[in-house]
Every structure is written in C-alpha cells, then in structure tokens.
Amino acid sequence: MKNLVLAVLILMTGCVSFSHHVTGTLRPPVPQDEVKVYDTVPANSKTIGTVSVTSFKSMPWEDAYVEALEELKMEAAKLGANGLVIIDYGNPKDSELDGATIDGKAIFVKLPKSN
C-alpha cells in the first residue's frame, strides 16, 4: 500500500530530468528571466553547450512543454547562458505519460552596450 501511495504521488507531482554537456566556456550563472529564446544562433554569440530537459507530467503536452521550456532556461542560466536556441522537442520516447522533452543550445550573446 505504501508503494502505491508513493507511485500516485509521483504521478501527480510529475518528474523532470535534465542534463547538460559543456562544449564551450562556462560563464557565471545568470537569472533565469534573462535567458532569451532565439530562432537561430545570433552571429554575436558563443556556444556554451547543450541542455536537455524531459518533463513527465500528468497534464496536456502544451502545458508540459511550457514547463519543460522554463526548466531548460533555468538549466542554461546555471551555465551562464543568456540565450537559448531550441534544437528539438517532442513527447518523451517510450513513455505512456503526457510530457515534453526539449533539447537546446545554451549560448552567450554579447549584447550591445547602452548609452
């Protein structure tokens, strides 16, 4: 019975897994809300690495995607990235649960100085 209650709690609260692979130079962490999502890699940027998040949630895919994107931005921010380019997204492989998986490139974009 105890295991059943634990399983139900896990399904209700969901699970998020994330990973990263550093291919460039790490930078000091930035606030998550400073991470901007780009369609393509800007010319004035340097790649820090790749980040990946899988969110297994008992919710519609669109909601799981939004949550996974926020987690992805948080993971990129920890690496010092102020930019993120989505490489791939979809439903988790081999999962019967609703959820989303997103892979991205964590980048640092040199912003122009303001006057």
PDB file of N, CA and C in Angstrom:
ATOM      1  N   MET A   1       0.824  -1.194   0.000  1.00  0.00           N
ATOM      2  CA  MET A   1       0.000   0.000   0.000  1.00  0.00           C
ATOM      3  C   MET A   1       0.871   1.262   0.000  1.00  0.00           C
ATOM      4  N   LYS A   2       1.948   1.226   0.790  1.00  0.00           N
ATOM      5  CA  LYS A   2       2.845   2.377   0.876  1.00  0.00           C
ATOM      6  C   LYS A   2       3.453   2.698  -0.495  1.00  0.00           C
ATOM      7  N   ASN A   3       3.828   1.648  -1.245  1.00  0.00           N
ATOM      8  CA  ASN A   3       4.396   1.847  -2.580  1.00  0.00           C
ATOM      9  C   ASN A   3       3.370   2.422  -3.546  1.00  0.00           C
ATOM     10  N   LEU A   4       2.120   2.018  -3.419  1.00  0.00           N
ATOM     11  CA  LEU A   4       1.056   2.539  -4.274  1.00  0.00           C
ATOM     12  C   LEU A   4       0.850   4.023  -4.019  1.00  0.00           C
ATOM     13  N   VAL A   5       0.841   4.430  -2.762  1.00  0.00           N
ATOM     14  CA  VAL A   5       0.676   5.847  -2.424  1.00  0.00           C
ATOM     15  C   VAL A   5       1.843   6.648  -2.984  1.00  0.00           C
ATOM     16  N   LEU A   6       3.054   6.135  -2.864  1.00  0.00           N
ATOM     17  CA  LEU A   6       4.231   6.813  -3.391  1.00  0.00           C
ATOM     18  C   LEU A   6       4.140   6.949  -4.906  1.00  0.00           C
ATOM     19  N   ALA A   7       3.727   5.907  -5.587  1.00  0.00           N
ATOM     20  CA  ALA A   7       3.585   5.950  -7.048  1.00  0.00           C
ATOM     21  C   ALA A   7       2.549   6.977  -7.471  1.00  0.00           C
ATOM     22  N   VAL A   8       1.444   7.043  -6.773  1.00  0.00           N
ATOM     23  CA  VAL A   8       0.394   8.018  -7.097  1.00  0.00           C
ATOM     24  C   VAL A   8       0.914   9.435  -6.875  1.00  0.00           C
ATOM     25  N   LEU A   9       1.638   9.664  -5.795  1.00  0.00           N
ATOM     26  CA  LEU A   9       2.199  10.995  -5.532  1.00  0.00           C
ATOM     27  C   LEU A   9       3.188  11.403  -6.615  1.00  0.00           C
ATOM     28  N   ILE A  10       4.004  10.480  -7.062  1.00  0.00           N
ATOM     29  CA  ILE A  10       4.964  10.778  -8.122  1.00  0.00           C
ATOM     30  C   ILE A  10       4.230  11.135  -9.406  1.00  0.00           C
ATOM     31  N   LEU A  11       3.194  10.390  -9.745  1.00  0.00           N
ATOM     32  CA  LEU A  11       2.422  10.681 -10.950  1.00  0.00           C
ATOM     33  C   LEU A  11       1.724  12.027 -10.858  1.00  0.00           C
ATOM     34  N   MET A  12       1.248  12.373  -9.687  1.00  0.00           N
ATOM     35  CA  MET A  12       0.536  13.642  -9.523  1.00  0.00           C
ATOM     36  C   MET A  12       1.494  14.833  -9.587  1.00  0.00           C
ATOM     37  N   THR A  13       2.654  14.703  -8.981  1.00  0.00           N
ATOM     38  CA  THR A  13       3.581  15.822  -8.962  1.00  0.00           C
ATOM     39  C   THR A  13       4.476  15.828 -10.193  1.00  0.00           C
ATOM     40  N   GLY A  14       4.634  14.689 -10.841  1.00  0.00           N
ATOM     41  CA  GLY A  14       5.439  14.614 -12.040  1.00  0.00           C
ATOM     42  C   GLY A  14       6.915  14.515 -11.732  1.00  0.00           C
ATOM     43  N   CYS A  15       7.670  14.504 -12.784  1.00  0.00           N
ATOM     44  CA  CYS A  15       9.102  14.339 -12.653  1.00  0.00           C
ATOM     45  C   CYS A  15       9.770  15.097 -13.792  1.00  0.00           C
ATOM     46  N   VAL A  16      10.856  15.753 -13.489  1.00  0.00           N
ATOM     47  CA  VAL A  16      11.617  16.469 -14.501  1.00  0.00           C
ATOM     48  C   VAL A  16      13.052  15.989 -14.421  1.00  0.00           C
ATOM     49  N   SER A  17      13.607  15.612 -15.559  1.00  0.00           N
ATOM     50  CA  SER A  17      15.023  15.263 -15.593  1.00  0.00           C
ATOM     51  C   SER A  17      15.707  16.209 -16.571  1.00  0.00           C
ATOM     52  N   PHE A  18      16.938  16.548 -16.268  1.00  0.00           N
ATOM     53  CA  PHE A  18      17.664  17.448 -17.137  1.00  0.00           C
ATOM     54  C   PHE A  18      19.121  17.041 -17.194  1.00  0.00           C
ATOM     55  N   SER A  19      19.765  17.465 -18.281  1.00  0.00           N
ATOM     56  CA  SER A  19      21.192  17.203 -18.425  1.00  0.00           C
ATOM     57  C   SER A  19      21.800  18.333 -19.244  1.00  0.00           C
ATOM     58  N   HIS A  20      23.111  18.441 -19.166  1.00  0.00           N
ATOM     59  CA  HIS A  20      23.818  19.401 -19.988  1.00  0.00           C
ATOM     60  C   HIS A  20      25.176  18.828 -20.383  1.00  0.00           C
ATOM     61  N   HIS A  21      25.694  19.364 -21.467  1.00  0.00           N
ATOM     62  CA  HIS A  21      27.013  18.967 -21.952  1.00  0.00           C
ATOM     63  C   HIS A  21      27.746  20.243 -22.337  1.00  0.00           C
ATOM     64  N   VAL A  22      28.793  20.555 -21.604  1.00  0.00           N
ATOM     65  CA  VAL A  22      29.555  21.780 -21.852  1.00  0.00           C
ATOM     66  C   VAL A  22      30.514  21.543 -23.011  1.00  0.00           C
ATOM     67  N   THR A  23      30.416  22.412 -24.030  1.00  0.00           N
ATOM     68  CA  THR A  23      31.309  22.334 -25.187  1.00  0.00           C
ATOM     69  C   THR A  23      32.124  23.615 -25.353  1.00  0.00           C
ATOM     70  N   GLY A  24      31.788  24.635 -24.585  1.00  0.00           N
ATOM     71  CA  GLY A  24      32.482  25.922 -24.656  1.00  0.00           C
ATOM     72  C   GLY A  24      32.952  26.337 -23.275  1.00  0.00           C
ATOM     73  N   THR A  25      32.981  27.637 -23.052  1.00  0.00           N
ATOM     74  CA  THR A  25      33.446  28.176 -21.781  1.00  0.00           C
ATOM     75  C   THR A  25      32.261  28.513 -20.884  1.00  0.00           C
ATOM     76  N   LEU A  26      32.286  27.965 -19.667  1.00  0.00           N
ATOM     77  CA  LEU A  26      31.250  28.307 -18.691  1.00  0.00           C
ATOM     78  C   LEU A  26      31.385  29.773 -18.302  1.00  0.00           C
ATOM     79  N   ARG A  27      30.260  30.377 -17.958  1.00  0.00           N
ATOM     80  CA  ARG A  27      30.224  31.764 -17.521  1.00  0.00           C
ATOM     81  C   ARG A  27      29.529  31.789 -16.160  1.00  0.00           C
ATOM     82  N   PRO A  28      29.614  32.905 -15.445  1.00  0.00           N
ATOM     83  CA  PRO A  28      28.888  32.993 -14.170  1.00  0.00           C
ATOM     84  C   PRO A  28      27.379  32.833 -14.410  1.00  0.00           C
ATOM     85  N   PRO A  29      26.676  32.166 -13.518  1.00  0.00           N
ATOM     86  CA  PRO A  29      25.224  31.990 -13.669  1.00  0.00           C
ATOM     87  C   PRO A  29      24.509  33.336 -13.818  1.00  0.00           C
ATOM     88  N   VAL A  30      23.405  33.304 -14.552  1.00  0.00           N
ATOM     89  CA  VAL A  30      22.570  34.494 -14.753  1.00  0.00           C
ATOM     90  C   VAL A  30      21.164  34.183 -14.259  1.00  0.00           C
ATOM     91  N   PRO A  31      20.355  35.212 -13.988  1.00  0.00           N
ATOM     92  CA  PRO A  31      18.959  34.951 -13.615  1.00  0.00           C
ATOM     93  C   PRO A  31      18.205  34.294 -14.783  1.00  0.00           C
ATOM     94  N   GLN A  32      17.354  33.355 -14.450  1.00  0.00           N
ATOM     95  CA  GLN A  32      16.591  32.617 -15.460  1.00  0.00           C
ATOM     96  C   GLN A  32      15.793  33.538 -16.377  1.00  0.00           C
ATOM     97  N   ASP A  33      15.254  34.627 -15.832  1.00  0.00           N
ATOM     98  CA  ASP A  33      14.425  35.514 -16.653  1.00  0.00           C
ATOM     99  C   ASP A  33      15.249  36.332 -17.653  1.00  0.00           C
ATOM    100  N   GLU A  34      16.580  36.248 -17.591  1.00  0.00           N
ATOM    101  CA  GLU A  34      17.433  36.924 -18.571  1.00  0.00           C
ATOM    102  C   GLU A  34      17.756  36.034 -19.770  1.00  0.00           C
ATOM    103  N   VAL A  35      17.329  34.781 -19.740  1.00  0.00           N
ATOM    104  CA  VAL A  35      17.599  33.856 -20.839  1.00  0.00           C
ATOM    105  C   VAL A  35      16.527  34.054 -21.916  1.00  0.00           C
ATOM    106  N   LYS A  36      16.977  34.487 -23.097  1.00  0.00           N
ATOM    107  CA  LYS A  36      16.075  34.742 -24.222  1.00  0.00           C
ATOM    108  C   LYS A  36      16.138  33.560 -25.185  1.00  0.00           C
ATOM    109  N   VAL A  37      14.988  33.173 -25.724  1.00  0.00           N
ATOM    110  CA  VAL A  37      14.923  32.081 -26.695  1.00  0.00           C
ATOM    111  C   VAL A  37      15.015  32.681 -28.095  1.00  0.00           C
ATOM    112  N   TYR A  38      15.977  32.190 -28.889  1.00  0.00           N
ATOM    113  CA  TYR A  38      16.203  32.653 -30.256  1.00  0.00           C
ATOM    114  C   TYR A  38      15.783  31.575 -31.255  1.00  0.00           C
ATOM    115  N   ASP A  39      15.391  32.006 -32.466  1.00  0.00           N
ATOM    116  CA  ASP A  39      15.056  31.058 -33.543  1.00  0.00           C
ATOM    117  C   ASP A  39      16.318  30.443 -34.143  1.00  0.00           C
ATOM    118  N   THR A  40      17.359  31.277 -34.275  1.00  0.00           N
ATOM    119  CA  THR A  40      18.640  30.826 -34.819  1.00  0.00           C
ATOM    120  C   THR A  40      19.748  31.390 -33.935  1.00  0.00           C
ATOM    121  N   VAL A  41      20.924  30.838 -34.077  1.00  0.00           N
ATOM    122  CA  VAL A  41      22.064  31.291 -33.282  1.00  0.00           C
ATOM    123  C   VAL A  41      22.514  32.659 -33.809  1.00  0.00           C
ATOM    124  N   PRO A  42      22.472  33.694 -32.973  1.00  0.00           N
ATOM    125  CA  PRO A  42      22.925  35.017 -33.416  1.00  0.00           C
ATOM    126  C   PRO A  42      24.416  35.022 -33.740  1.00  0.00           C
ATOM    127  N   ALA A  43      24.799  35.891 -34.671  1.00  0.00           N
ATOM    128  CA  ALA A  43      26.202  35.972 -35.093  1.00  0.00           C
ATOM    129  C   ALA A  43      27.108  36.393 -33.947  1.00  0.00           C
ATOM    130  N   ASN A  44      26.615  37.211 -33.039  1.00  0.00           N
ATOM    131  CA  ASN A  44      27.433  37.733 -31.941  1.00  0.00           C
ATOM    132  C   ASN A  44      27.334  36.865 -30.685  1.00  0.00           C
ATOM    133  N   SER A  45      27.295  35.543 -30.864  1.00  0.00           N
ATOM    134  CA  SER A  45      27.147  34.646 -29.706  1.00  0.00           C
ATOM    135  C   SER A  45      28.234  33.585 -29.687  1.00  0.00           C
ATOM    136  N   LYS A  46      28.403  32.995 -28.515  1.00  0.00           N
ATOM    137  CA  LYS A  46      29.336  31.879 -28.331  1.00  0.00           C
ATOM    138  C   LYS A  46      28.559  30.738 -27.684  1.00  0.00           C
ATOM    139  N   THR A  47      28.768  29.547 -28.168  1.00  0.00           N
ATOM    140  CA  THR A  47      28.095  28.370 -27.619  1.00  0.00           C
ATOM    141  C   THR A  47      28.760  27.952 -26.325  1.00  0.00           C
ATOM    142  N   ILE A  48      27.942  27.752 -25.296  1.00  0.00           N
ATOM    143  CA  ILE A  48      28.433  27.246 -24.019  1.00  0.00           C
ATOM    144  C   ILE A  48      28.275  25.727 -23.986  1.00  0.00           C
ATOM    145  N   GLY A  49      27.159  25.228 -24.491  1.00  0.00           N
ATOM    146  CA  GLY A  49      26.933  23.789 -24.506  1.00  0.00           C
ATOM    147  C   GLY A  49      25.510  23.458 -24.900  1.00  0.00           C
ATOM    148  N   THR A  50      25.149  22.214 -24.676  1.00  0.00           N
ATOM    149  CA  THR A  50      23.790  21.764 -24.959  1.00  0.00           C
ATOM    150  C   THR A  50      23.080  21.444 -23.651  1.00  0.00           C
ATOM    151  N   VAL A  51      21.778  21.646 -23.640  1.00  0.00           N
ATOM    152  CA  VAL A  51      20.959  21.335 -22.473  1.00  0.00           C
ATOM    153  C   VAL A  51      19.753  20.531 -22.941  1.00  0.00           C
ATOM    154  N   SER A  52      19.272  19.674 -22.077  1.00  0.00           N
ATOM    155  CA  SER A  52      18.131  18.826 -22.404  1.00  0.00           C
ATOM    156  C   SER A  52      17.261  18.661 -21.169  1.00  0.00           C
ATOM    157  N   VAL A  53      15.956  18.738 -21.366  1.00  0.00           N
ATOM    158  CA  VAL A  53      15.005  18.566 -20.267  1.00  0.00           C
ATOM    159  C   VAL A  53      13.883  17.657 -20.725  1.00  0.00           C
ATOM    160  N   THR A  54      13.506  16.736 -19.863  1.00  0.00           N
ATOM    161  CA  THR A  54      12.322  15.904 -20.090  1.00  0.00           C
ATOM    162  C   THR A  54      11.404  16.083 -18.905  1.00  0.00           C
ATOM    163  N   SER A  55      10.172  16.440 -19.191  1.00  0.00           N
ATOM    164  CA  SER A  55       9.166  16.641 -18.153  1.00  0.00           C
ATOM    165  C   SER A  55       8.082  15.591 -18.313  1.00  0.00           C
ATOM    166  N   PHE A  56       7.986  14.698 -17.347  1.00  0.00           N
ATOM    167  CA  PHE A  56       6.919  13.702 -17.339  1.00  0.00           C
ATOM    168  C   PHE A  56       5.832  14.231 -16.422  1.00  0.00           C
ATOM    169  N   LYS A  57       4.749  14.664 -16.972  1.00  0.00           N
ATOM    170  CA  LYS A  57       3.678  15.259 -16.174  1.00  0.00           C
ATOM    171  C   LYS A  57       2.343  14.681 -16.604  1.00  0.00           C
ATOM    172  N   SER A  58       1.432  14.643 -15.693  1.00  0.00           N
ATOM    173  CA  SER A  58       0.059  14.245 -15.996  1.00  0.00           C
ATOM    174  C   SER A  58      -0.712  15.510 -16.356  1.00  0.00           C
ATOM    175  N   MET A  59      -0.373  16.057 -17.522  1.00  0.00           N
ATOM    176  CA  MET A  59      -1.013  17.281 -17.999  1.00  0.00           C
ATOM    177  C   MET A  59      -0.931  17.278 -19.520  1.00  0.00           C
ATOM    178  N   PRO A  60      -1.685  18.142 -20.176  1.00  0.00           N
ATOM    179  CA  PRO A  60      -1.606  18.207 -21.635  1.00  0.00           C
ATOM    180  C   PRO A  60      -0.186  18.537 -22.096  1.00  0.00           C
ATOM    181  N   TRP A  61       0.167  18.074 -23.301  1.00  0.00           N
ATOM    182  CA  TRP A  61       1.513  18.254 -23.827  1.00  0.00           C
ATOM    183  C   TRP A  61       1.918  19.718 -23.865  1.00  0.00           C
ATOM    184  N   GLU A  62       1.023  20.607 -24.259  1.00  0.00           N
ATOM    185  CA  GLU A  62       1.361  22.024 -24.365  1.00  0.00           C
ATOM    186  C   GLU A  62       1.801  22.586 -23.013  1.00  0.00           C
ATOM    187  N   ASP A  63       1.096  22.207 -21.950  1.00  0.00           N
ATOM    188  CA  ASP A  63       1.455  22.669 -20.608  1.00  0.00           C
ATOM    189  C   ASP A  63       2.799  22.076 -20.173  1.00  0.00           C
ATOM    190  N   ALA A  64       3.009  20.804 -20.499  1.00  0.00           N
ATOM    191  CA  ALA A  64       4.280  20.159 -20.155  1.00  0.00           C
ATOM    192  C   ALA A  64       5.427  20.810 -20.929  1.00  0.00           C
ATOM    193  N   TYR A  65       5.170  21.218 -22.182  1.00  0.00           N
ATOM    194  CA  TYR A  65       6.196  21.885 -22.986  1.00  0.00           C
ATOM    195  C   TYR A  65       6.587  23.223 -22.356  1.00  0.00           C
ATOM    196  N   VAL A  66       5.602  24.001 -21.942  1.00  0.00           N
ATOM    197  CA  VAL A  66       5.877  25.300 -21.320  1.00  0.00           C
ATOM    198  C   VAL A  66       6.705  25.104 -20.052  1.00  0.00           C
ATOM    199  N   GLU A  67       6.329  24.117 -19.244  1.00  0.00           N
ATOM    200  CA  GLU A  67       7.078  23.842 -18.019  1.00  0.00           C
ATOM    201  C   GLU A  67       8.497  23.370 -18.334  1.00  0.00           C
ATOM    202  N   ALA A  68       8.637  22.490 -19.335  1.00  0.00           N
ATOM    203  CA  ALA A  68       9.965  21.995 -19.713  1.00  0.00           C
ATOM    204  C   ALA A  68      10.833  23.128 -20.247  1.00  0.00           C
ATOM    205  N   LEU A  69      10.232  24.069 -20.988  1.00  0.00           N
ATOM    206  CA  LEU A  69      10.995  25.202 -21.510  1.00  0.00           C
ATOM    207  C   LEU A  69      11.525  26.072 -20.372  1.00  0.00           C
ATOM    208  N   GLU A  70      10.716  26.292 -19.343  1.00  0.00           N
ATOM    209  CA  GLU A  70      11.179  27.069 -18.188  1.00  0.00           C
ATOM    210  C   GLU A  70      12.324  26.339 -17.480  1.00  0.00           C
ATOM    211  N   GLU A  71      12.221  25.032 -17.366  1.00  0.00           N
ATOM    212  CA  GLU A  71      13.299  24.245 -16.755  1.00  0.00           C
ATOM    213  C   GLU A  71      14.565  24.309 -17.610  1.00  0.00           C
ATOM    214  N   LEU A  72      14.393  24.298 -18.932  1.00  0.00           N
ATOM    215  CA  LEU A  72      15.528  24.372 -19.842  1.00  0.00           C
ATOM    216  C   LEU A  72      16.233  25.722 -19.704  1.00  0.00           C
ATOM    217  N   LYS A  73      15.457  26.787 -19.597  1.00  0.00           N
ATOM    218  CA  LYS A  73      16.035  28.119 -19.403  1.00  0.00           C
ATOM    219  C   LYS A  73      16.794  28.183 -18.077  1.00  0.00           C
ATOM    220  N   MET A  74      16.249  27.551 -17.037  1.00  0.00           N
ATOM    221  CA  MET A  74      16.915  27.533 -15.740  1.00  0.00           C
ATOM    222  C   MET A  74      18.254  26.784 -15.831  1.00  0.00           C
ATOM    223  N   GLU A  75      18.264  25.672 -16.535  1.00  0.00           N
ATOM    224  CA  GLU A  75      19.495  24.896 -16.682  1.00  0.00           C
ATOM    225  C   GLU A  75      20.534  25.684 -17.490  1.00  0.00           C
ATOM    226  N   ALA A  76      20.102  26.360 -18.553  1.00  0.00           N
ATOM    227  CA  ALA A  76      21.008  27.180 -19.361  1.00  0.00           C
ATOM    228  C   ALA A  76      21.564  28.331 -18.530  1.00  0.00           C
ATOM    229  N   ALA A  77      20.715  28.945 -17.716  1.00  0.00           N
ATOM    230  CA  ALA A  77      21.142  30.069 -16.867  1.00  0.00           C
ATOM    231  C   ALA A  77      22.234  29.633 -15.890  1.00  0.00           C
ATOM    232  N   LYS A  78      22.154  28.416 -15.387  1.00  0.00           N
ATOM    233  CA  LYS A  78      23.182  27.904 -14.469  1.00  0.00           C
ATOM    234  C   LYS A  78      24.551  27.830 -15.138  1.00  0.00           C
ATOM    235  N   LEU A  79      24.552  27.637 -16.477  1.00  0.00           N
ATOM    236  CA  LEU A  79      25.801  27.555 -17.225  1.00  0.00           C
ATOM    237  C   LEU A  79      26.326  28.934 -17.605  1.00  0.00           C
ATOM    238  N   GLY A  80      25.517  29.972 -17.338  1.00  0.00           N
ATOM    239  CA  GLY A  80      25.905  31.329 -17.689  1.00  0.00           C
ATOM    240  C   GLY A  80      25.389  31.774 -19.039  1.00  0.00           C
ATOM    241  N   ALA A  81      24.449  31.035 -19.593  1.00  0.00           N
ATOM    242  CA  ALA A  81      23.880  31.387 -20.900  1.00  0.00           C
ATOM    243  C   ALA A  81      22.801  32.451 -20.736  1.00  0.00           C
ATOM    244  N   ASN A  82      22.814  33.436 -21.624  1.00  0.00           N
ATOM    245  CA  ASN A  82      21.730  34.413 -21.639  1.00  0.00           C
ATOM    246  C   ASN A  82      20.857  34.220 -22.878  1.00  0.00           C
ATOM    247  N   GLY A  83      21.157  33.143 -23.617  1.00  0.00           N
ATOM    248  CA  GLY A  83      20.374  32.812 -24.797  1.00  0.00           C
ATOM    249  C   GLY A  83      20.227  31.308 -24.946  1.00  0.00           C
ATOM    250  N   LEU A  84      19.203  30.930 -25.697  1.00  0.00           N
ATOM    251  CA  LEU A  84      18.881  29.520 -25.881  1.00  0.00           C
ATOM    252  C   LEU A  84      18.283  29.348 -27.266  1.00  0.00           C
ATOM    253  N   VAL A  85      18.756  28.346 -28.003  1.00  0.00           N
ATOM    254  CA  VAL A  85      18.186  28.010 -29.301  1.00  0.00           C
ATOM    255  C   VAL A  85      17.654  26.591 -29.191  1.00  0.00           C
ATOM    256  N   ILE A  86      16.354  26.419 -29.471  1.00  0.00           N
ATOM    257  CA  ILE A  86      15.738  25.092 -29.394  1.00  0.00           C
ATOM    258  C   ILE A  86      16.221  24.267 -30.580  1.00  0.00           C
ATOM    259  N   ILE A  87      16.749  23.086 -30.281  1.00  0.00           N
ATOM    260  CA  ILE A  87      17.234  22.173 -31.323  1.00  0.00           C
ATOM    261  C   ILE A  87      16.150  21.176 -31.694  1.00  0.00           C
ATOM    262  N   ASP A  88      15.468  20.639 -30.688  1.00  0.00           N
ATOM    263  CA  ASP A  88      14.466  19.604 -30.940  1.00  0.00           C
ATOM    264  C   ASP A  88      13.491  19.567 -29.774  1.00  0.00           C
ATOM    265  N   TYR A  89      12.264  19.157 -30.030  1.00  0.00           N
ATOM    266  CA  TYR A  89      11.281  18.999 -28.962  1.00  0.00           C
ATOM    267  C   TYR A  89      10.256  17.942 -29.364  1.00  0.00           C
ATOM    268  N   GLY A  90       9.571  17.403 -28.376  1.00  0.00           N
ATOM    269  CA  GLY A  90       8.549  16.402 -28.635  1.00  0.00           C
ATOM    270  C   GLY A  90       8.105  15.739 -27.357  1.00  0.00           C
ATOM    271  N   ASN A  91       7.385  14.624 -27.508  1.00  0.00           N
ATOM    272  CA  ASN A  91       6.962  13.829 -26.361  1.00  0.00           C
ATOM    273  C   ASN A  91       8.109  12.909 -25.975  1.00  0.00           C
ATOM    274  N   PRO A  92       8.244  12.601 -24.686  1.00  0.00           N
ATOM    275  CA  PRO A  92       9.301  11.675 -24.269  1.00  0.00           C
ATOM    276  C   PRO A  92       9.155  10.331 -24.979  1.00  0.00           C
ATOM    277  N   LYS A  93      10.278   9.767 -25.352  1.00  0.00           N
ATOM    278  CA  LYS A  93      10.267   8.475 -26.034  1.00  0.00           C
ATOM    279  C   LYS A  93       9.898   7.366 -25.053  1.00  0.00           C
ATOM    280  N   ASP A  94       9.127   6.432 -25.560  1.00  0.00           N
ATOM    281  CA  ASP A  94       8.763   5.249 -24.778  1.00  0.00           C
ATOM    282  C   ASP A  94       8.046   5.591 -23.478  1.00  0.00           C
ATOM    283  N   SER A  95       7.241   6.608 -23.488  1.00  0.00           N
ATOM    284  CA  SER A  95       6.524   6.987 -22.277  1.00  0.00           C
ATOM    285  C   SER A  95       5.032   6.977 -22.544  1.00  0.00           C
ATOM    286  N   GLU A  96       4.291   6.407 -21.648  1.00  0.00           N
ATOM    287  CA  GLU A  96       2.842   6.422 -21.763  1.00  0.00           C
ATOM    288  C   GLU A  96       2.263   7.662 -21.105  1.00  0.00           C
ATOM    289  N   LEU A  97       3.086   8.393 -20.360  1.00  0.00           N
ATOM    290  CA  LEU A  97       2.625   9.598 -19.682  1.00  0.00           C
ATOM    291  C   LEU A  97       2.690  10.782 -20.627  1.00  0.00           C
ATOM    292  N   ASP A  98       1.826  11.762 -20.397  1.00  0.00           N
ATOM    293  CA  ASP A  98       1.970  13.019 -21.116  1.00  0.00           C
ATOM    294  C   ASP A  98       3.247  13.669 -20.635  1.00  0.00           C
ATOM    295  N   GLY A  99       3.828  14.466 -21.452  1.00  0.00           N
ATOM    296  CA  GLY A  99       5.048  15.146 -21.059  1.00  0.00           C
ATOM    297  C   GLY A  99       5.706  15.760 -22.272  1.00  0.00           C
ATOM    298  N   ALA A 100       6.843  16.362 -22.067  1.00  0.00           N
ATOM    299  CA  ALA A 100       7.569  17.000 -23.153  1.00  0.00           C
ATOM    300  C   ALA A 100       9.060  16.858 -22.931  1.00  0.00           C
ATOM    301  N   THR A 101       9.785  16.803 -24.022  1.00  0.00           N
ATOM    302  CA  THR A 101      11.237  16.798 -23.974  1.00  0.00           C
ATOM    303  C   THR A 101      11.745  17.891 -24.915  1.00  0.00           C
ATOM    304  N   ILE A 102      12.738  18.637 -24.472  1.00  0.00           N
ATOM    305  CA  ILE A 102      13.298  19.716 -25.272  1.00  0.00           C
ATOM    306  C   ILE A 102      14.822  19.655 -25.188  1.00  0.00           C
ATOM    307  N   ASP A 103      15.466  19.786 -26.346  1.00  0.00           N
ATOM    308  CA  ASP A 103      16.917  19.891 -26.423  1.00  0.00           C
ATOM    309  C   ASP A 103      17.252  21.279 -26.960  1.00  0.00           C
ATOM    310  N   GLY A 104      18.247  21.903 -26.371  1.00  0.00           N
ATOM    311  CA  GLY A 104      18.605  23.235 -26.822  1.00  0.00           C
ATOM    312  C   GLY A 104      20.093  23.492 -26.763  1.00  0.00           C
ATOM    313  N   LYS A 105      20.483  24.593 -27.392  1.00  0.00           N
ATOM    314  CA  LYS A 105      21.869  25.041 -27.378  1.00  0.00           C
ATOM    315  C   LYS A 105      21.934  26.250 -26.464  1.00  0.00           C
ATOM    316  N   ALA A 106      22.736  26.154 -25.403  1.00  0.00           N
ATOM    317  CA  ALA A 106      22.933  27.259 -24.468  1.00  0.00           C
ATOM    318  C   ALA A 106      24.010  28.172 -25.036  1.00  0.00           C
ATOM    319  N   ILE A 107      23.680  29.458 -25.177  1.00  0.00           N
ATOM    320  CA  ILE A 107      24.603  30.395 -25.795  1.00  0.00           C
ATOM    321  C   ILE A 107      24.755  31.653 -24.944  1.00  0.00           C
ATOM    322  N   PHE A 108      25.882  32.322 -25.134  1.00  0.00           N
ATOM    323  CA  PHE A 108      26.055  33.641 -24.534  1.00  0.00           C
ATOM    324  C   PHE A 108      26.069  34.628 -25.676  1.00  0.00           C
ATOM    325  N   VAL A 109      25.133  35.577 -25.636  1.00  0.00           N
ATOM    326  CA  VAL A 109      25.020  36.591 -26.678  1.00  0.00           C
ATOM    327  C   VAL A 109      25.604  37.886 -26.154  1.00  0.00           C
ATOM    328  N   LYS A 110      26.589  38.410 -26.867  1.00  0.00           N
ATOM    329  CA  LYS A 110      27.166  39.691 -26.479  1.00  0.00           C
ATOM    330  C   LYS A 110      26.189  40.788 -26.888  1.00  0.00           C
ATOM    331  N   LEU A 111      25.612  41.424 -25.893  1.00  0.00           N
ATOM    332  CA  LEU A 111      24.624  42.455 -26.146  1.00  0.00           C
ATOM    333  C   LEU A 111      25.304  43.792 -26.344  1.00  0.00           C
ATOM    334  N   PRO A 112      24.751  44.648 -27.234  1.00  0.00           N
ATOM    335  CA  PRO A 112      25.349  45.973 -27.423  1.00  0.00           C
ATOM    336  C   PRO A 112      25.241  46.795 -26.153  1.00  0.00           C
ATOM    337  N   LYS A 113      26.255  47.587 -25.911  1.00  0.00           N
ATOM    338  CA  LYS A 113      26.232  48.465 -24.723  1.00  0.00           C
ATOM    339  C   LYS A 113      25.248  49.593 -24.939  1.00  0.00           C
ATOM    340  N   SER A 114      24.473  49.904 -23.888  1.00  0.00           N
ATOM    341  CA  SER A 114      23.540  51.017 -23.984  1.00  0.00           C
ATOM    342  C   SER A 114      24.229  52.297 -23.556  1.00  0.00           C
ATOM    343  N   ASN A 115      23.723  53.431 -24.033  1.00  0.00           N
ATOM    344  CA  ASN A 115      24.349  54.735 -23.713  1.00  0.00           C
ATOM    345  C   ASN A 115      24.114  55.134 -22.313  1.00  0.00           C
TER     346      ASN A 115
END
